[in-house]
Structure formats: C-alpha cells, structure tokens
C-alpha cells in the first residue's frame, strides 16, 4: 500500500497552518520534550475552525514497541476517504523494562490531545476530535475518551481490537499474551497494583456520557480475547451509548486481508458520518 511522501519542509506563507487554501503536512511536531513525543500532522485544504474535524491515530505494539510510521498506509486511507478531516498520527513513550511504565502512555496521549487542542486556531481546525487506535493504541484511545473530558470531549472512538480490562488481560490471557507481558508494562500484578490496573482499564470509565464507539475484533485473535471487545460493547449498550461491534470470522490480530480492512474502513467512515456532527 502507498505511503505519504510529501512533507512541507519549506512552506510558503499561503501553505502555513491557518491557511484555508492548501493542504499542509507537518512531520514530527513535538508535543513534549521526549524524542518519542512527536506527531505527524496532516491538515486538509480549505480547512476552517467551524467544520474541519480531527482524527488522532494511536499505533499499537503492546505499549512497548511500535511507531507511528506503521499507520502511514492508514493515513493515506483516511485522507482519501475523509478529505475534510485533519489527521494526526502520534508516537508516545514506550515501556522498557523499568522505564516508562503505566501510566506513561496514557499521559502522553492526554498531552498530545491537549497540544492539538491548544493549536486549534493556528491549525484552523475544530474541536470535534475522534480517536482511532489499534491494539494497545486502541486501549489508549478508549482510555482517553472515556476517562477525560477536559480540555475536549472526544466525539467518537474507532477501536481496532483494543484491550479494555487490564485485570482480565492478566487473569484470562489470550494464547500469545502471557500475564508477564501485562505485568511488565504495569509494573506488577493485579494483586500488587490493583488500583493501577483499574485506572488503566477503559472499561472502568464507561458511563452514560461516554463517546460513541465502533469496535473491530477478529474471533481468532491470539493477543486480545474477544471478551475484551465484547465487554466494551455490552457496557456501552447498557449505558445507552451508540456503538457498533464488528466481529470478523477467523480474523487474527490485525493480520487481515485487504477486503476485511476495506470493510472496516467502510464501516468506520459511515459510523463517523453518523456520530460526529
């Protein structure tokens, strides 16, 4: 699949953020002091603060590996399908042994959201924010959306097979997600770090004010149990929140064919058109 190749390294005045004329790409914009606290920012042509919605993308990698470049093809897909959206593709600090354990990643996503929100006037974008994540990135997207409403209430979440209950991830692991991998990023077990497991679980924070959410899950996922996604669906439904649950037969952990991804983005586009006004 194609990746974005143009970067605005020498923009003219008409190209700079705030213009309503040209599209702009700003690579590796710092939202914090750490080298990993960077975002690629794609601003569409003819953008305005009144109508230009924002989708923030959060990569996966078990909170310990991965990079925003893994989402480059998805950036292309979103820009083609939803050309009126600004697309923000972020990195965050990764857990590494005893460094950057939970809630570092949660804090970084919050900082990125706050940074983008603070740049609304400069970038000429609205406060209609959507979060899209895969795997660990979907966990972080849900956690931000359900846990925080300041400085902006997230309008919708797109969840590709994200963990929702960290205690259940530890106690009822998927075949290739041993409990040690969860303890390694949290810094202990549910017995030793009960409050952190709870505060790091998106499922904890779902209520009647939660963001509409579309959930994609493969029923043969070896890393995230179907029950993790089903729990999100069930709790959102009980809370009266608009949601859609899409289960792909024989689907693994994102190693899907082109037709499956095309279907997922068809459904994503329709869901956002219906819920983000």
Protein backbone atom coordinates (compact mmCIF):
# COMPACT_ATOMS: atom_id res chain seq x y z
CA UNK A 1 0.00 0.00 0.00
CA UNK A 2 1.14 3.54 -0.74
CA UNK A 3 2.54 5.83 1.92
CA UNK A 4 2.56 9.61 2.16
CA UNK A 5 5.73 11.02 0.58
CA UNK A 6 5.24 14.82 0.64
CA UNK A 7 6.44 16.82 3.62
CA UNK A 8 6.19 20.60 3.92
CA UNK A 9 9.79 21.45 4.81
CA UNK A 10 9.78 24.86 3.10
CA UNK A 11 6.22 26.14 3.25
CA UNK A 12 5.24 29.50 1.77
CA UNK A 13 3.07 31.89 3.72
CA UNK A 14 -0.01 30.53 1.93
CA UNK A 15 0.92 27.00 2.98
CA UNK A 16 1.32 27.62 6.71
CA UNK A 17 -1.15 26.40 9.33
CA UNK A 18 -4.16 28.66 9.45
CA UNK A 19 -4.42 28.93 5.67
CA UNK A 20 -7.74 27.82 4.20
CA UNK A 21 -6.15 27.27 0.78
CA UNK A 22 -3.60 24.49 0.70
CA UNK A 23 -3.12 21.16 2.42
CA UNK A 24 -0.12 21.03 4.77
CA UNK A 25 1.90 18.16 6.22
CA UNK A 26 3.95 18.85 9.34
CA UNK A 27 6.19 15.89 10.26
CA UNK A 28 7.47 15.14 13.76
CA UNK A 29 5.87 18.05 15.57
CA UNK A 30 6.89 17.89 19.24
CA UNK A 31 4.08 17.83 21.80
CA UNK A 32 6.53 17.15 24.65
CA UNK A 33 10.24 17.13 25.46
CA UNK A 34 10.93 13.42 24.88
CA UNK A 35 12.07 12.39 21.37
CA UNK A 36 9.10 10.00 21.15
CA UNK A 37 6.56 12.71 21.95
CA UNK A 38 6.10 13.59 18.29
CA UNK A 39 3.19 13.74 15.87
CA UNK A 40 2.78 13.89 12.10
CA UNK A 41 0.08 16.44 11.32
CA UNK A 42 -1.90 16.40 8.06
CA UNK A 43 -4.06 19.48 7.56
CA UNK A 44 -6.54 19.40 4.66
CA UNK A 45 -7.12 22.06 2.07
CA UNK A 46 -9.96 24.53 2.64
CA UNK A 47 -9.99 23.82 6.35
CA UNK A 48 -11.88 26.02 8.79
CA UNK A 49 -12.28 26.09 12.55
CA UNK A 50 -16.00 25.60 12.09
CA UNK A 51 -16.04 22.42 10.02
CA UNK A 52 -12.65 20.68 9.99
CA UNK A 53 -12.84 17.59 12.18
CA UNK A 54 -9.79 15.85 13.61
CA UNK A 55 -8.85 12.18 13.86
CA UNK A 56 -5.91 11.29 16.11
CA UNK A 57 -4.29 7.93 15.34
CA UNK A 58 -2.51 5.83 18.00
CA UNK A 59 -0.35 2.89 16.97
CA UNK A 60 -0.16 -0.46 18.75
CA UNK A 61 2.75 -2.59 19.94
CA UNK A 62 1.92 -3.85 23.45
CA UNK A 63 2.80 -0.39 24.86
CA UNK A 64 6.48 -1.30 24.45
CA UNK A 65 7.26 -1.33 20.71
CA UNK A 66 5.88 0.18 17.51
CA UNK A 67 5.96 3.51 15.75
CA UNK A 68 3.56 5.92 14.07
CA UNK A 69 5.03 5.04 10.67
CA UNK A 70 3.14 1.73 10.90
CA UNK A 71 -0.03 3.78 10.35
CA UNK A 72 1.18 5.59 7.22
CA UNK A 73 -0.98 3.46 4.92
CA UNK A 74 -3.99 4.12 7.18
CA UNK A 75 -3.23 7.85 6.98
CA UNK A 76 -3.50 7.60 3.21
CA UNK A 77 -6.76 5.69 3.56
CA UNK A 78 -8.32 8.25 5.88
CA UNK A 79 -7.17 11.20 3.77
CA UNK A 80 -8.71 9.63 0.69
CA UNK A 81 -11.97 8.61 2.36
CA UNK A 82 -12.42 11.64 4.63
CA UNK A 83 -10.62 14.51 2.91
CA UNK A 84 -12.24 17.12 5.13
CA UNK A 85 -10.58 15.69 8.28
CA UNK A 86 -7.27 16.74 9.76
CA UNK A 87 -5.29 13.59 10.56
CA UNK A 88 -2.82 13.46 13.46
CA UNK A 89 -0.59 10.38 13.76
CA UNK A 90 1.22 10.24 17.11
CA UNK A 91 4.07 8.47 18.82
CA UNK A 92 4.32 8.04 22.58
CA UNK A 93 6.92 6.87 25.07
CA UNK A 94 7.32 3.10 25.16
CA UNK A 95 7.60 0.90 28.23
CA UNK A 96 11.10 -0.54 28.50
CA UNK A 97 11.93 -2.70 31.49
CA UNK A 98 11.61 -0.40 34.49
CA UNK A 99 11.19 2.77 32.41
CA UNK A 100 8.05 4.40 31.07
CA UNK A 101 5.63 2.02 32.74
CA UNK A 102 1.90 2.76 33.03
CA UNK A 103 0.52 5.41 33.09
CA UNK A 104 3.24 6.97 30.88
CA UNK A 105 1.47 6.08 27.62
CA UNK A 106 -1.89 7.32 28.94
CA UNK A 107 -0.27 10.60 29.98
CA UNK A 108 1.34 11.02 26.57
CA UNK A 109 -1.93 10.57 24.69
CA UNK A 110 -3.55 13.10 27.01
CA UNK A 111 -0.67 15.52 26.40
CA UNK A 112 -0.98 15.06 22.63
CA UNK A 113 -4.72 15.73 22.73
CA UNK A 114 -4.15 18.84 24.84
CA UNK A 115 -1.43 20.04 22.47
CA UNK A 116 -3.57 19.63 19.35
CA UNK A 117 -6.50 21.30 21.11
CA UNK A 118 -4.27 24.26 22.02
CA UNK A 119 -3.29 24.63 18.35
CA UNK A 120 -6.84 24.85 17.00
CA UNK A 121 -6.59 28.48 15.99
CA UNK A 122 -3.14 28.11 14.47
CA UNK A 123 -4.09 24.97 12.53
CA UNK A 124 -7.59 26.24 11.72
CA UNK A 125 -9.33 23.08 12.93
CA UNK A 126 -12.42 22.43 15.03
CA UNK A 127 -12.82 20.87 18.47
CA UNK A 128 -14.51 17.79 17.01
CA UNK A 129 -11.91 15.14 17.85
CA UNK A 130 -12.02 11.41 17.02
CA UNK A 131 -9.53 8.87 18.38
CA UNK A 132 -8.54 5.82 16.33
CA UNK A 133 -6.21 3.13 17.64
CA UNK A 134 -5.10 -0.43 17.04
CA UNK A 135 -4.37 -2.93 19.82
CA UNK A 136 -2.51 -1.06 22.59
CA UNK A 137 -3.27 2.14 20.70
CA UNK A 138 -6.98 1.34 20.80
CA UNK A 139 -6.70 0.75 24.54
CA UNK A 140 -5.15 4.22 24.88
CA UNK A 141 -7.80 5.76 22.61
CA UNK A 142 -10.64 4.34 24.68
CA UNK A 143 -8.95 5.27 27.94
CA UNK A 144 -8.53 8.90 26.87
CA UNK A 145 -12.07 9.15 25.52
CA UNK A 146 -13.84 7.51 28.44
CA UNK A 147 -11.69 8.89 31.27
CA UNK A 148 -11.19 12.52 30.27
CA UNK A 149 -13.49 15.28 29.06
CA UNK A 150 -11.05 18.15 29.55
CA UNK A 151 -9.95 20.05 27.52
CA UNK A 152 -12.18 18.41 24.90
CA UNK A 153 -14.85 15.75 24.86
CA UNK A 154 -13.95 13.10 22.29
CA UNK A 155 -16.75 12.77 19.73
CA UNK A 156 -16.11 9.14 18.73
CA UNK A 157 -13.68 6.24 19.12
CA UNK A 158 -12.55 3.74 16.50
CA UNK A 159 -11.26 0.65 18.34
CA UNK A 160 -9.34 -1.98 16.42
CA UNK A 161 -9.06 -4.97 18.82
CA UNK A 162 -8.06 -2.95 21.88
CA UNK A 163 -7.70 -4.32 25.42
CA UNK A 164 -10.35 -2.87 27.70
CA UNK A 165 -9.86 -4.62 31.05
CA UNK A 166 -6.26 -4.92 32.22
CA UNK A 167 -7.10 -7.21 35.13
CA UNK A 168 -8.84 -9.62 32.78
CA UNK A 169 -5.88 -9.38 30.39
CA UNK A 170 -3.74 -10.68 33.24
CA UNK A 171 -6.14 -13.22 34.71
CA UNK A 172 -7.60 -14.54 31.46
CA UNK A 173 -4.78 -14.16 28.93
CA UNK A 174 -5.01 -14.80 25.22
CA UNK A 175 -2.72 -17.57 23.88
CA UNK A 176 0.13 -15.25 22.92
CA UNK A 177 -0.29 -12.54 25.57
CA UNK A 178 1.16 -14.06 28.77
CA UNK A 179 0.39 -12.40 32.10
CA UNK A 180 4.07 -11.46 32.40
CA UNK A 181 3.72 -9.15 29.40
CA UNK A 182 0.95 -7.24 31.14
CA UNK A 183 2.75 -7.14 34.49
CA UNK A 184 5.84 -5.88 32.69
CA UNK A 185 4.18 -2.68 31.48
CA UNK A 186 2.02 -2.08 34.55
CA UNK A 187 4.87 -2.76 36.96
CA UNK A 188 3.25 -5.59 38.90
CA UNK A 189 0.25 -7.87 39.16
CA UNK A 190 -3.40 -7.09 39.92
CA UNK A 191 -2.66 -8.22 43.46
CA UNK A 192 0.17 -5.72 43.93
CA UNK A 193 -1.12 -2.87 41.73
CA UNK A 194 -4.90 -3.20 41.89
CA UNK A 195 -5.69 0.50 41.64
CA UNK A 196 -3.39 0.99 38.64
CA UNK A 197 -4.96 -1.95 36.80
CA UNK A 198 -8.37 -0.42 37.42
CA UNK A 199 -7.38 3.14 36.48
CA UNK A 200 -5.68 1.86 33.32
CA UNK A 201 -8.76 -0.05 32.13
CA UNK A 202 -11.10 1.79 29.74
CA UNK A 203 -13.99 -0.40 30.87
CA UNK A 204 -13.79 1.26 34.31
CA UNK A 205 -14.83 4.63 32.94
CA UNK A 206 -17.71 3.83 30.58
CA UNK A 207 -20.86 5.69 31.61
CA UNK A 208 -23.85 7.49 30.14
CA UNK A 209 -21.61 10.32 28.86
CA UNK A 210 -19.09 8.11 27.05
CA UNK A 211 -18.13 8.60 23.44
CA UNK A 212 -19.81 6.64 20.64
CA UNK A 213 -17.53 3.76 19.69
CA UNK A 214 -17.08 1.33 16.83
CA UNK A 215 -15.22 -1.87 17.75
CA UNK A 216 -13.46 -4.23 15.33
CA UNK A 217 -12.34 -7.65 16.52
CA UNK A 218 -11.17 -10.90 14.97
CA UNK A 219 -12.64 -14.02 16.53
CA UNK A 220 -9.29 -15.83 16.26
CA UNK A 221 -7.19 -13.05 17.77
CA UNK A 222 -4.25 -14.66 19.65
CA UNK A 223 -3.38 -11.50 21.62
CA UNK A 224 -6.68 -9.89 22.66
CA UNK A 225 -9.63 -12.05 23.67
CA UNK A 226 -12.98 -11.40 22.00
CA UNK A 227 -14.32 -10.93 25.53
CA UNK A 228 -12.29 -7.70 25.83
CA UNK A 229 -14.16 -6.13 22.92
CA UNK A 230 -17.50 -7.70 23.83
CA UNK A 231 -17.22 -6.14 27.29
CA UNK A 232 -16.92 -2.68 25.72
CA UNK A 233 -19.97 -3.34 23.55
CA UNK A 234 -22.03 -4.61 26.47
CA UNK A 235 -21.16 -1.79 28.87
CA UNK A 236 -21.69 0.91 26.23
CA UNK A 237 -25.05 -0.62 25.34
CA UNK A 238 -26.09 -0.75 28.99
CA UNK A 239 -25.07 2.90 29.36
CA UNK A 240 -27.16 3.86 26.33
CA UNK A 241 -24.17 4.89 24.21
CA UNK A 242 -24.24 4.48 20.43
CA UNK A 243 -21.87 1.70 19.46
CA UNK A 244 -21.18 -0.86 16.75
CA UNK A 245 -19.45 -4.20 17.25
CA UNK A 246 -17.91 -5.88 14.20
CA UNK A 247 -16.58 -9.43 14.61
CA UNK A 248 -14.62 -10.91 11.72
CA UNK A 249 -14.74 -14.73 11.46
CA UNK A 250 -11.26 -16.27 11.54
CA UNK A 251 -9.77 -12.81 11.98
CA UNK A 252 -6.47 -12.58 13.79
CA UNK A 253 -4.77 -9.62 15.45
CA UNK A 254 -4.89 -7.21 12.54
CA UNK A 255 -3.30 -9.60 10.06
CA UNK A 256 -6.39 -9.17 7.92
CA UNK A 257 -6.74 -9.27 4.16
CA UNK A 258 -7.43 -6.21 2.04
CA UNK A 259 -11.15 -6.95 1.78
CA UNK A 260 -11.51 -7.07 5.56
CA UNK A 261 -9.69 -3.77 6.04
CA UNK A 262 -11.76 -2.21 3.26
CA UNK A 263 -14.92 -3.32 5.02
CA UNK A 264 -13.63 -1.97 8.33
CA UNK A 265 -12.93 1.44 6.84
CA UNK A 266 -16.28 1.47 5.04
CA UNK A 267 -17.91 0.94 8.41
CA UNK A 268 -15.63 3.47 10.12
CA UNK A 269 -16.49 6.14 7.56
CA UNK A 270 -20.22 5.51 7.91
CA UNK A 271 -20.04 5.46 11.71
CA UNK A 272 -18.19 8.77 11.90
CA UNK A 273 -20.55 10.38 9.41
CA UNK A 274 -23.44 9.36 11.66
CA UNK A 275 -21.93 10.26 15.04
CA UNK A 276 -19.55 13.21 14.57
CA UNK A 277 -21.66 16.26 13.83
